Every structure is written in structure tokens, then in C-alpha cells.
N, C-alpha and C. Protein backbone atom coordinates (compact mmCIF):
# COMPACT_ATOMS: atom_id res chain seq x y z
N MET A 1 -15.32 -33.12 7.51
CA MET A 1 -15.80 -32.10 8.43
C MET A 1 -15.79 -32.66 9.85
N GLU A 2 -15.20 -31.89 10.79
CA GLU A 2 -15.11 -32.36 12.17
C GLU A 2 -16.44 -32.21 12.88
N LYS A 3 -16.73 -33.17 13.74
CA LYS A 3 -17.95 -33.13 14.54
C LYS A 3 -17.55 -32.73 15.95
N LEU A 4 -17.99 -31.56 16.36
CA LEU A 4 -17.65 -31.06 17.69
C LEU A 4 -18.66 -31.51 18.72
N GLU A 5 -18.18 -31.65 19.95
CA GLU A 5 -19.03 -31.90 21.10
C GLU A 5 -18.84 -30.74 22.06
N SER A 6 -19.68 -30.66 23.08
CA SER A 6 -19.51 -29.57 24.03
C SER A 6 -19.65 -30.06 25.46
N ALA A 7 -18.96 -29.34 26.34
CA ALA A 7 -19.00 -29.59 27.78
C ALA A 7 -19.28 -28.25 28.45
N THR A 8 -20.03 -28.26 29.53
CA THR A 8 -20.35 -27.03 30.25
C THR A 8 -19.93 -27.20 31.70
N LEU A 9 -18.99 -26.32 32.12
CA LEU A 9 -18.37 -26.45 33.44
C LEU A 9 -18.37 -25.12 34.17
N GLY A 10 -18.52 -25.17 35.48
CA GLY A 10 -18.41 -23.98 36.31
C GLY A 10 -17.46 -24.24 37.46
N GLY A 11 -16.52 -23.34 37.64
CA GLY A 11 -15.53 -23.49 38.71
C GLY A 11 -14.99 -22.14 39.11
N GLY A 12 -15.86 -21.27 39.58
CA GLY A 12 -15.44 -19.92 39.93
C GLY A 12 -15.67 -18.99 38.76
N CYS A 13 -14.84 -17.99 38.66
CA CYS A 13 -14.97 -16.97 37.62
C CYS A 13 -14.79 -17.57 36.23
N PHE A 14 -15.71 -17.27 35.34
CA PHE A 14 -15.60 -17.84 33.99
C PHE A 14 -14.41 -17.31 33.22
N TRP A 15 -13.86 -16.17 33.60
CA TRP A 15 -12.66 -15.66 32.93
C TRP A 15 -11.49 -16.63 33.11
N CYS A 16 -11.37 -17.19 34.33
CA CYS A 16 -10.29 -18.15 34.61
C CYS A 16 -10.45 -19.42 33.80
N LEU A 17 -11.65 -19.98 33.83
CA LEU A 17 -11.88 -21.22 33.09
C LEU A 17 -11.68 -21.02 31.60
N GLU A 18 -12.15 -19.91 31.07
CA GLU A 18 -11.97 -19.63 29.65
C GLU A 18 -10.48 -19.58 29.30
N ALA A 19 -9.69 -18.90 30.13
CA ALA A 19 -8.25 -18.78 29.87
C ALA A 19 -7.58 -20.15 29.86
N VAL A 20 -7.97 -21.03 30.76
CA VAL A 20 -7.37 -22.37 30.82
C VAL A 20 -7.79 -23.21 29.63
N PHE A 21 -9.09 -23.39 29.45
CA PHE A 21 -9.57 -24.32 28.43
C PHE A 21 -9.28 -23.86 27.01
N SER A 22 -9.20 -22.56 26.79
CA SER A 22 -8.91 -22.08 25.43
C SER A 22 -7.49 -22.41 24.99
N ARG A 23 -6.63 -22.82 25.92
CA ARG A 23 -5.25 -23.14 25.60
C ARG A 23 -5.02 -24.63 25.34
N LEU A 24 -6.04 -25.43 25.44
CA LEU A 24 -5.89 -26.88 25.26
C LEU A 24 -6.09 -27.27 23.81
N GLU A 25 -5.20 -28.12 23.32
CA GLU A 25 -5.31 -28.60 21.95
C GLU A 25 -6.58 -29.43 21.80
N GLY A 26 -7.31 -29.18 20.74
CA GLY A 26 -8.57 -29.87 20.50
C GLY A 26 -9.78 -29.07 20.90
N VAL A 27 -9.57 -28.02 21.72
CA VAL A 27 -10.66 -27.12 22.09
C VAL A 27 -10.81 -26.10 20.97
N LYS A 28 -12.00 -26.00 20.42
CA LYS A 28 -12.24 -25.10 19.29
C LYS A 28 -12.74 -23.73 19.74
N SER A 29 -13.55 -23.69 20.79
CA SER A 29 -14.04 -22.41 21.31
C SER A 29 -14.48 -22.59 22.76
N VAL A 30 -14.41 -21.48 23.49
CA VAL A 30 -14.87 -21.46 24.87
C VAL A 30 -15.76 -20.23 25.01
N THR A 31 -16.99 -20.46 25.45
CA THR A 31 -17.97 -19.38 25.57
C THR A 31 -18.34 -19.19 27.03
N PRO A 32 -18.07 -18.02 27.60
CA PRO A 32 -18.50 -17.76 28.97
C PRO A 32 -20.02 -17.55 29.00
N GLY A 33 -20.63 -17.98 30.09
CA GLY A 33 -22.07 -17.81 30.19
C GLY A 33 -22.60 -18.20 31.55
N TYR A 34 -23.89 -18.47 31.58
CA TYR A 34 -24.60 -18.75 32.82
C TYR A 34 -25.48 -19.99 32.63
N ALA A 35 -25.58 -20.81 33.67
CA ALA A 35 -26.43 -22.00 33.62
C ALA A 35 -26.83 -22.38 35.04
N GLY A 36 -27.89 -23.16 35.12
CA GLY A 36 -28.29 -23.75 36.39
C GLY A 36 -29.22 -22.91 37.24
N GLY A 37 -29.73 -21.83 36.68
CA GLY A 37 -30.58 -20.96 37.48
C GLY A 37 -32.03 -21.00 37.07
N ASN A 38 -32.77 -20.02 37.60
CA ASN A 38 -34.21 -20.03 37.38
C ASN A 38 -34.72 -18.79 36.65
N SER A 39 -33.84 -18.03 36.03
CA SER A 39 -34.30 -16.86 35.28
C SER A 39 -33.83 -16.96 33.83
N GLN A 40 -34.63 -16.41 32.94
CA GLN A 40 -34.32 -16.42 31.52
C GLN A 40 -33.43 -15.23 31.17
N ASN A 41 -32.45 -15.47 30.31
CA ASN A 41 -31.57 -14.41 29.82
C ASN A 41 -30.99 -13.53 30.92
N PRO A 42 -30.34 -14.15 31.91
CA PRO A 42 -29.79 -13.34 33.00
C PRO A 42 -28.63 -12.47 32.53
N THR A 43 -28.44 -11.37 33.23
CA THR A 43 -27.29 -10.51 32.97
C THR A 43 -26.23 -10.78 34.02
N TYR A 44 -25.04 -10.32 33.74
CA TYR A 44 -23.94 -10.47 34.69
C TYR A 44 -24.31 -9.84 36.03
N GLU A 45 -24.88 -8.65 35.97
CA GLU A 45 -25.26 -7.95 37.21
C GLU A 45 -26.27 -8.76 38.01
N GLN A 46 -27.24 -9.39 37.34
CA GLN A 46 -28.22 -10.21 38.04
C GLN A 46 -27.58 -11.46 38.64
N VAL A 47 -26.72 -12.12 37.88
CA VAL A 47 -26.07 -13.33 38.36
C VAL A 47 -25.18 -13.01 39.56
N CYS A 48 -24.51 -11.86 39.54
CA CYS A 48 -23.62 -11.47 40.65
C CYS A 48 -24.35 -11.31 41.97
N THR A 49 -25.65 -11.09 41.94
CA THR A 49 -26.40 -10.96 43.20
C THR A 49 -26.55 -12.30 43.89
N GLY A 50 -26.39 -13.39 43.14
CA GLY A 50 -26.58 -14.72 43.71
C GLY A 50 -28.04 -15.12 43.78
N GLU A 51 -28.93 -14.27 43.30
CA GLU A 51 -30.37 -14.53 43.43
C GLU A 51 -30.98 -15.26 42.24
N THR A 52 -30.25 -15.39 41.13
CA THR A 52 -30.82 -16.06 39.95
C THR A 52 -30.65 -17.57 39.99
N GLY A 53 -29.76 -18.04 40.84
CA GLY A 53 -29.46 -19.47 40.90
C GLY A 53 -28.46 -19.92 39.84
N HIS A 54 -28.11 -19.03 38.92
CA HIS A 54 -27.16 -19.39 37.87
C HIS A 54 -25.73 -19.41 38.40
N ALA A 55 -24.92 -20.23 37.76
CA ALA A 55 -23.48 -20.25 38.01
C ALA A 55 -22.79 -19.64 36.80
N GLU A 56 -21.65 -19.00 37.03
CA GLU A 56 -20.79 -18.60 35.92
C GLU A 56 -20.17 -19.89 35.39
N VAL A 57 -20.30 -20.11 34.09
CA VAL A 57 -19.82 -21.34 33.46
C VAL A 57 -19.14 -21.03 32.14
N VAL A 58 -18.51 -22.04 31.59
CA VAL A 58 -18.02 -21.96 30.21
C VAL A 58 -18.56 -23.15 29.44
N ARG A 59 -18.94 -22.88 28.20
CA ARG A 59 -19.30 -23.95 27.27
C ARG A 59 -18.07 -24.17 26.39
N ILE A 60 -17.56 -25.38 26.42
CA ILE A 60 -16.35 -25.73 25.70
C ILE A 60 -16.74 -26.58 24.50
N ASP A 61 -16.52 -26.06 23.31
CA ASP A 61 -16.74 -26.84 22.09
C ASP A 61 -15.40 -27.45 21.70
N TYR A 62 -15.39 -28.77 21.55
CA TYR A 62 -14.11 -29.47 21.34
C TYR A 62 -14.26 -30.59 20.32
N ASP A 63 -13.12 -30.97 19.77
CA ASP A 63 -13.05 -32.07 18.82
C ASP A 63 -12.72 -33.34 19.61
N PRO A 64 -13.67 -34.26 19.74
CA PRO A 64 -13.43 -35.46 20.54
C PRO A 64 -12.36 -36.39 19.96
N LYS A 65 -11.95 -36.14 18.72
CA LYS A 65 -10.86 -36.93 18.14
C LYS A 65 -9.51 -36.41 18.64
N LYS A 66 -9.49 -35.19 19.19
CA LYS A 66 -8.24 -34.60 19.65
C LYS A 66 -8.16 -34.45 21.17
N ILE A 67 -9.29 -34.34 21.82
CA ILE A 67 -9.33 -34.24 23.28
C ILE A 67 -10.64 -34.86 23.76
N SER A 68 -10.57 -35.65 24.79
CA SER A 68 -11.76 -36.35 25.28
C SER A 68 -12.47 -35.55 26.37
N TYR A 69 -13.71 -35.89 26.58
CA TYR A 69 -14.49 -35.30 27.67
C TYR A 69 -13.79 -35.58 29.00
N GLU A 70 -13.29 -36.79 29.15
CA GLU A 70 -12.59 -37.17 30.38
C GLU A 70 -11.35 -36.32 30.61
N THR A 71 -10.63 -35.99 29.55
CA THR A 71 -9.45 -35.12 29.68
C THR A 71 -9.88 -33.71 30.09
N LEU A 72 -10.97 -33.23 29.54
CA LEU A 72 -11.48 -31.91 29.95
C LEU A 72 -11.82 -31.91 31.45
N ILE A 73 -12.46 -32.98 31.90
CA ILE A 73 -12.81 -33.07 33.33
C ILE A 73 -11.55 -33.14 34.19
N ASP A 74 -10.53 -33.84 33.72
CA ASP A 74 -9.26 -33.88 34.45
C ASP A 74 -8.68 -32.47 34.60
N TRP A 75 -8.69 -31.70 33.52
CA TRP A 75 -8.22 -30.30 33.60
C TRP A 75 -9.10 -29.50 34.54
N PHE A 76 -10.38 -29.77 34.54
CA PHE A 76 -11.33 -29.07 35.42
C PHE A 76 -10.93 -29.25 36.89
N TRP A 77 -10.60 -30.49 37.30
CA TRP A 77 -10.19 -30.72 38.69
C TRP A 77 -8.93 -29.92 39.02
N ARG A 78 -8.02 -29.82 38.05
CA ARG A 78 -6.73 -29.17 38.31
C ARG A 78 -6.80 -27.64 38.29
N CYS A 79 -7.78 -27.07 37.62
CA CYS A 79 -7.76 -25.61 37.44
C CYS A 79 -8.62 -24.84 38.43
N HIS A 80 -9.22 -25.53 39.39
CA HIS A 80 -9.96 -24.84 40.46
C HIS A 80 -9.99 -25.76 41.68
N ASP A 81 -10.51 -25.26 42.77
CA ASP A 81 -10.62 -26.06 43.99
C ASP A 81 -12.04 -26.60 44.10
N PRO A 82 -12.25 -27.87 43.76
CA PRO A 82 -13.59 -28.43 43.81
C PRO A 82 -14.05 -28.84 45.20
N THR A 83 -13.26 -28.50 46.22
CA THR A 83 -13.62 -28.89 47.59
C THR A 83 -14.24 -27.74 48.39
N THR A 84 -14.31 -26.57 47.80
CA THR A 84 -14.90 -25.43 48.51
C THR A 84 -16.31 -25.18 47.99
N LEU A 85 -17.24 -25.08 48.89
CA LEU A 85 -18.65 -24.91 48.52
C LEU A 85 -18.93 -23.44 48.21
N ASN A 86 -19.38 -23.19 47.01
CA ASN A 86 -19.79 -21.84 46.60
C ASN A 86 -18.70 -20.80 46.77
N ARG A 87 -17.48 -21.20 46.41
CA ARG A 87 -16.36 -20.27 46.59
C ARG A 87 -15.16 -20.72 45.78
N GLN A 88 -14.48 -19.74 45.19
CA GLN A 88 -13.17 -19.94 44.59
C GLN A 88 -12.35 -18.73 44.99
N GLY A 89 -11.43 -18.92 45.91
CA GLY A 89 -10.63 -17.80 46.39
C GLY A 89 -11.51 -16.71 46.96
N GLY A 90 -11.34 -15.48 46.45
CA GLY A 90 -12.13 -14.35 46.93
C GLY A 90 -13.50 -14.26 46.32
N ASP A 91 -13.80 -15.11 45.34
CA ASP A 91 -15.12 -15.11 44.70
C ASP A 91 -16.04 -16.01 45.51
N ILE A 92 -17.05 -15.40 46.14
CA ILE A 92 -17.93 -16.12 47.05
C ILE A 92 -19.38 -15.99 46.60
N GLY A 93 -20.11 -17.09 46.62
CA GLY A 93 -21.52 -17.11 46.28
C GLY A 93 -21.85 -18.31 45.41
N THR A 94 -23.12 -18.63 45.32
CA THR A 94 -23.54 -19.80 44.54
C THR A 94 -23.19 -19.65 43.06
N GLN A 95 -23.03 -18.42 42.60
CA GLN A 95 -22.67 -18.20 41.19
C GLN A 95 -21.25 -18.67 40.89
N TYR A 96 -20.46 -18.94 41.94
CA TYR A 96 -19.08 -19.41 41.77
C TYR A 96 -18.92 -20.88 42.15
N ARG A 97 -20.02 -21.59 42.25
CA ARG A 97 -19.96 -23.00 42.67
C ARG A 97 -19.24 -23.86 41.64
N SER A 98 -18.74 -24.97 42.13
CA SER A 98 -18.10 -25.97 41.27
C SER A 98 -19.21 -26.88 40.75
N VAL A 99 -19.34 -26.94 39.41
CA VAL A 99 -20.45 -27.69 38.83
C VAL A 99 -20.08 -28.22 37.45
N VAL A 100 -20.50 -29.45 37.20
CA VAL A 100 -20.43 -30.05 35.87
C VAL A 100 -21.87 -30.17 35.39
N PHE A 101 -22.19 -29.51 34.29
CA PHE A 101 -23.51 -29.64 33.68
C PHE A 101 -23.40 -30.63 32.53
N TYR A 102 -23.98 -31.80 32.71
CA TYR A 102 -23.90 -32.83 31.68
C TYR A 102 -25.02 -32.66 30.65
N GLN A 103 -24.74 -33.14 29.43
CA GLN A 103 -25.70 -32.98 28.34
C GLN A 103 -26.32 -34.30 27.91
N ASN A 104 -25.79 -35.40 28.45
CA ASN A 104 -26.35 -36.71 28.13
C ASN A 104 -25.89 -37.69 29.20
N GLU A 105 -26.40 -38.90 29.11
CA GLU A 105 -26.09 -39.91 30.13
C GLU A 105 -24.62 -40.33 30.11
N VAL A 106 -23.99 -40.29 28.95
CA VAL A 106 -22.57 -40.64 28.85
C VAL A 106 -21.73 -39.61 29.63
N GLN A 107 -22.01 -38.33 29.43
CA GLN A 107 -21.30 -37.29 30.18
C GLN A 107 -21.59 -37.40 31.68
N LYS A 108 -22.82 -37.68 32.03
CA LYS A 108 -23.17 -37.82 33.45
C LYS A 108 -22.35 -38.93 34.10
N ALA A 109 -22.32 -40.09 33.47
CA ALA A 109 -21.57 -41.23 34.02
C ALA A 109 -20.08 -40.91 34.09
N ALA A 110 -19.54 -40.28 33.06
CA ALA A 110 -18.12 -39.94 33.05
C ALA A 110 -17.79 -38.93 34.15
N ALA A 111 -18.64 -37.94 34.35
CA ALA A 111 -18.41 -36.93 35.39
C ALA A 111 -18.49 -37.55 36.78
N GLN A 112 -19.48 -38.41 36.99
CA GLN A 112 -19.62 -39.07 38.29
C GLN A 112 -18.42 -39.95 38.59
N GLN A 113 -17.95 -40.71 37.60
CA GLN A 113 -16.79 -41.57 37.79
C GLN A 113 -15.53 -40.74 38.03
N ALA A 114 -15.37 -39.66 37.27
CA ALA A 114 -14.19 -38.80 37.43
C ALA A 114 -14.18 -38.16 38.82
N LYS A 115 -15.33 -37.77 39.31
CA LYS A 115 -15.41 -37.18 40.66
C LYS A 115 -15.01 -38.21 41.70
N LYS A 116 -15.53 -39.42 41.56
CA LYS A 116 -15.20 -40.49 42.49
C LYS A 116 -13.70 -40.79 42.46
N ASP A 117 -13.15 -40.90 41.25
CA ASP A 117 -11.72 -41.19 41.09
C ASP A 117 -10.85 -40.08 41.68
N ALA A 118 -11.23 -38.82 41.42
CA ALA A 118 -10.45 -37.69 41.95
C ALA A 118 -10.52 -37.66 43.47
N ASP A 119 -11.70 -37.95 44.02
CA ASP A 119 -11.85 -37.98 45.48
C ASP A 119 -10.96 -39.06 46.10
N MET A 120 -10.89 -40.21 45.46
CA MET A 120 -10.12 -41.33 46.00
C MET A 120 -8.62 -41.20 45.73
N SER A 121 -8.24 -40.31 44.84
CA SER A 121 -6.84 -40.20 44.43
C SER A 121 -5.95 -39.54 45.48
N GLY A 122 -6.55 -38.83 46.42
CA GLY A 122 -5.74 -38.09 47.39
C GLY A 122 -5.29 -36.75 46.84
N MET A 123 -5.80 -36.38 45.69
CA MET A 123 -5.46 -35.11 45.06
C MET A 123 -5.79 -33.93 45.98
N TYR A 124 -6.85 -34.09 46.76
CA TYR A 124 -7.30 -33.05 47.68
C TYR A 124 -7.45 -33.62 49.08
N GLU A 125 -7.16 -32.80 50.08
CA GLU A 125 -7.34 -33.22 51.47
C GLU A 125 -8.82 -33.36 51.81
N ASP A 126 -9.62 -32.40 51.31
CA ASP A 126 -11.05 -32.40 51.61
C ASP A 126 -11.83 -33.07 50.48
N GLN A 127 -13.05 -33.46 50.79
CA GLN A 127 -13.90 -34.13 49.81
C GLN A 127 -14.37 -33.14 48.74
N ILE A 128 -14.47 -33.61 47.52
CA ILE A 128 -14.96 -32.80 46.40
C ILE A 128 -16.46 -32.57 46.58
N VAL A 129 -16.87 -31.31 46.43
CA VAL A 129 -18.28 -30.94 46.59
C VAL A 129 -18.92 -30.53 45.26
N THR A 130 -18.26 -30.80 44.16
CA THR A 130 -18.75 -30.42 42.85
C THR A 130 -20.13 -31.01 42.58
N GLU A 131 -21.02 -30.16 42.16
CA GLU A 131 -22.38 -30.55 41.77
C GLU A 131 -22.32 -31.13 40.36
N ILE A 132 -23.07 -32.19 40.12
CA ILE A 132 -23.19 -32.75 38.78
C ILE A 132 -24.68 -32.73 38.44
N SER A 133 -25.04 -31.88 37.48
CA SER A 133 -26.45 -31.63 37.16
C SER A 133 -26.67 -31.62 35.65
N ALA A 134 -27.90 -31.89 35.26
CA ALA A 134 -28.27 -31.82 33.85
C ALA A 134 -28.25 -30.36 33.38
N LEU A 135 -27.74 -30.15 32.19
CA LEU A 135 -27.77 -28.83 31.58
C LEU A 135 -29.15 -28.64 30.97
N LEU A 136 -29.90 -27.70 31.53
CA LEU A 136 -31.22 -27.42 30.99
C LEU A 136 -31.17 -26.29 29.97
N GLU A 137 -30.35 -25.28 30.26
CA GLU A 137 -30.23 -24.16 29.35
C GLU A 137 -28.93 -23.43 29.62
N PHE A 138 -28.32 -22.92 28.57
CA PHE A 138 -27.09 -22.14 28.66
C PHE A 138 -27.36 -20.77 28.07
N PHE A 139 -26.93 -19.74 28.79
CA PHE A 139 -27.09 -18.37 28.32
C PHE A 139 -25.71 -17.75 28.15
N PRO A 140 -25.31 -17.39 26.93
CA PRO A 140 -24.00 -16.74 26.75
C PRO A 140 -23.93 -15.43 27.53
N ALA A 141 -22.75 -15.15 28.03
CA ALA A 141 -22.51 -13.90 28.75
C ALA A 141 -22.44 -12.74 27.76
N GLU A 142 -22.39 -11.56 28.31
CA GLU A 142 -22.26 -10.35 27.51
C GLU A 142 -20.92 -10.37 26.77
N ASP A 143 -20.89 -9.72 25.62
CA ASP A 143 -19.72 -9.74 24.74
C ASP A 143 -18.41 -9.38 25.43
N TYR A 144 -18.43 -8.44 26.36
CA TYR A 144 -17.17 -8.00 26.97
C TYR A 144 -16.51 -9.07 27.83
N HIS A 145 -17.22 -10.16 28.14
CA HIS A 145 -16.62 -11.25 28.91
C HIS A 145 -15.84 -12.23 28.02
N PHE A 146 -16.10 -12.20 26.72
CA PHE A 146 -15.47 -13.15 25.81
C PHE A 146 -13.98 -12.84 25.65
N ASP A 147 -13.15 -13.88 25.80
CA ASP A 147 -11.71 -13.75 25.62
C ASP A 147 -11.12 -12.69 26.55
N TYR A 148 -11.66 -12.62 27.75
CA TYR A 148 -11.34 -11.54 28.67
C TYR A 148 -9.85 -11.46 29.00
N TYR A 149 -9.25 -12.57 29.34
CA TYR A 149 -7.83 -12.55 29.72
C TYR A 149 -6.95 -12.07 28.57
N ASN A 150 -7.17 -12.60 27.39
CA ASN A 150 -6.33 -12.21 26.25
C ASN A 150 -6.51 -10.74 25.88
N LYS A 151 -7.70 -10.21 26.09
CA LYS A 151 -7.96 -8.80 25.77
C LYS A 151 -7.53 -7.85 26.88
N ASN A 152 -7.41 -8.37 28.11
CA ASN A 152 -7.11 -7.52 29.28
C ASN A 152 -6.01 -8.12 30.14
N PRO A 153 -4.88 -8.51 29.59
CA PRO A 153 -3.86 -9.24 30.35
C PRO A 153 -3.29 -8.46 31.53
N ASN A 154 -3.38 -7.15 31.50
CA ASN A 154 -2.81 -6.35 32.59
C ASN A 154 -3.85 -5.89 33.61
N ALA A 155 -5.10 -6.27 33.43
CA ALA A 155 -6.12 -5.96 34.44
C ALA A 155 -5.75 -6.68 35.73
N GLY A 156 -6.12 -6.11 36.85
CA GLY A 156 -5.74 -6.67 38.15
C GLY A 156 -6.08 -8.14 38.32
N TYR A 157 -7.32 -8.52 38.03
CA TYR A 157 -7.75 -9.90 38.21
C TYR A 157 -6.92 -10.83 37.31
N CYS A 158 -6.63 -10.37 36.11
CA CYS A 158 -5.84 -11.18 35.17
C CYS A 158 -4.40 -11.33 35.66
N SER A 159 -3.82 -10.24 36.14
CA SER A 159 -2.42 -10.25 36.60
C SER A 159 -2.22 -11.08 37.86
N TYR A 160 -3.16 -10.97 38.79
CA TYR A 160 -2.97 -11.60 40.10
C TYR A 160 -3.65 -12.94 40.29
N ILE A 161 -4.63 -13.26 39.45
CA ILE A 161 -5.34 -14.52 39.61
C ILE A 161 -5.12 -15.45 38.40
N ILE A 162 -5.42 -14.95 37.22
CA ILE A 162 -5.40 -15.82 36.04
C ILE A 162 -3.98 -16.16 35.60
N ARG A 163 -3.12 -15.16 35.46
CA ARG A 163 -1.75 -15.43 34.98
C ARG A 163 -1.02 -16.44 35.88
N PRO A 164 -1.05 -16.28 37.22
CA PRO A 164 -0.38 -17.30 38.06
C PRO A 164 -0.99 -18.70 37.90
N LYS A 165 -2.33 -18.75 37.70
CA LYS A 165 -2.97 -20.05 37.50
C LYS A 165 -2.47 -20.70 36.22
N LEU A 166 -2.39 -19.92 35.15
CA LEU A 166 -1.89 -20.45 33.87
C LEU A 166 -0.43 -20.90 34.00
N ALA A 167 0.36 -20.14 34.73
CA ALA A 167 1.76 -20.52 34.92
C ALA A 167 1.86 -21.82 35.71
N LYS A 168 1.08 -21.94 36.77
CA LYS A 168 1.09 -23.14 37.61
C LYS A 168 0.70 -24.38 36.78
N LEU A 169 -0.21 -24.21 35.82
CA LEU A 169 -0.65 -25.32 34.99
C LEU A 169 0.20 -25.50 33.74
N ASN A 170 1.28 -24.72 33.65
CA ASN A 170 2.19 -24.76 32.48
C ASN A 170 1.44 -24.48 31.17
N LEU A 171 0.54 -23.51 31.23
CA LEU A 171 -0.22 -23.13 30.04
C LEU A 171 0.19 -21.74 29.52
N GLU A 172 1.14 -21.12 30.22
CA GLU A 172 1.64 -19.83 29.74
C GLU A 172 3.09 -19.66 30.11
């Protein structure tokens, strides 16, 4: 029986992150949701106001024998712009911040090292502003957010934002 681990990441719209991470070998499931805020059981509408403190995130359940936490973080740097504060493209607000929510000290150290390495690599002109914080609680999003890209491939956001991102990353 495989023992899964999980990672919780936020980098803009959770639909984009879900579409990317669900295509990686070793990832068993990707759950869109909310984390990092101050309200219990937030709704999408509440999070969109920016007043709950929550970020749109994905919880990635993965098989560490097939894909490492460090590899997930590497994909995280590549699939969004970690140098923009509270923004990814046209999505603006603290709910779209770049954030790694660690679940233990090993993840914390790995995320901090990966951030330092990515900053020093020259991968980005500007400094990475990604927040690295402890995961206190994760709230799954409403059902209609699950597998959004695959269920709605012709929706505007999917056609103009997600599909080009997947193509650029050679995931579609």
C-alpha cells in the first residue's frame, strides 16, 4: 500500500495550479481550497472579497516514491510568477498571493532552500516574494471548482489562461 504525502501551494487561481499539478506523474489528487485566513469554512464568494485572509490554494496528494516535494516546488516556481505580490496576471488581491504552506519542519526547510536557490538562479529578474507559512487549516473549495479545467476546457479563463500555460510547460 502506497503512503501518500501532501503539499499545499497557492499561486494565483487554483484552477491553474490544479490543471498543472494534476498532470504530473506521482500526483494522486489535487484538491482546490482555501488556507491561511482567519475565518472558518470560507466560501469562494467570501475569499474573493480579500477580507478573509485566505489564499486560493491546492492540496496535492502525491506518492513520494514517484515525485518528491522538491520536484513539486520546482514545478511551482515554473507555473506562476512568484515575484509579484498578491497578483497573478489579471487576478489581483491577497487571495492570489504566492504561498507555500508547509506541514512540517522538513517541508519548511525544503521550501526555504528552494526559494533561496530559485532566487539565486537568475530564473527571475525580480526577487521572489513567495510567503512560506505553516499550514494551520485547509478548507476544500466548493464542488464546482474541482477538476475545473478538464470539465470546462472551452470556458474563457481555461482557453486564454490555463491552456496556454499548460502548452508552455509541455503538459498538454
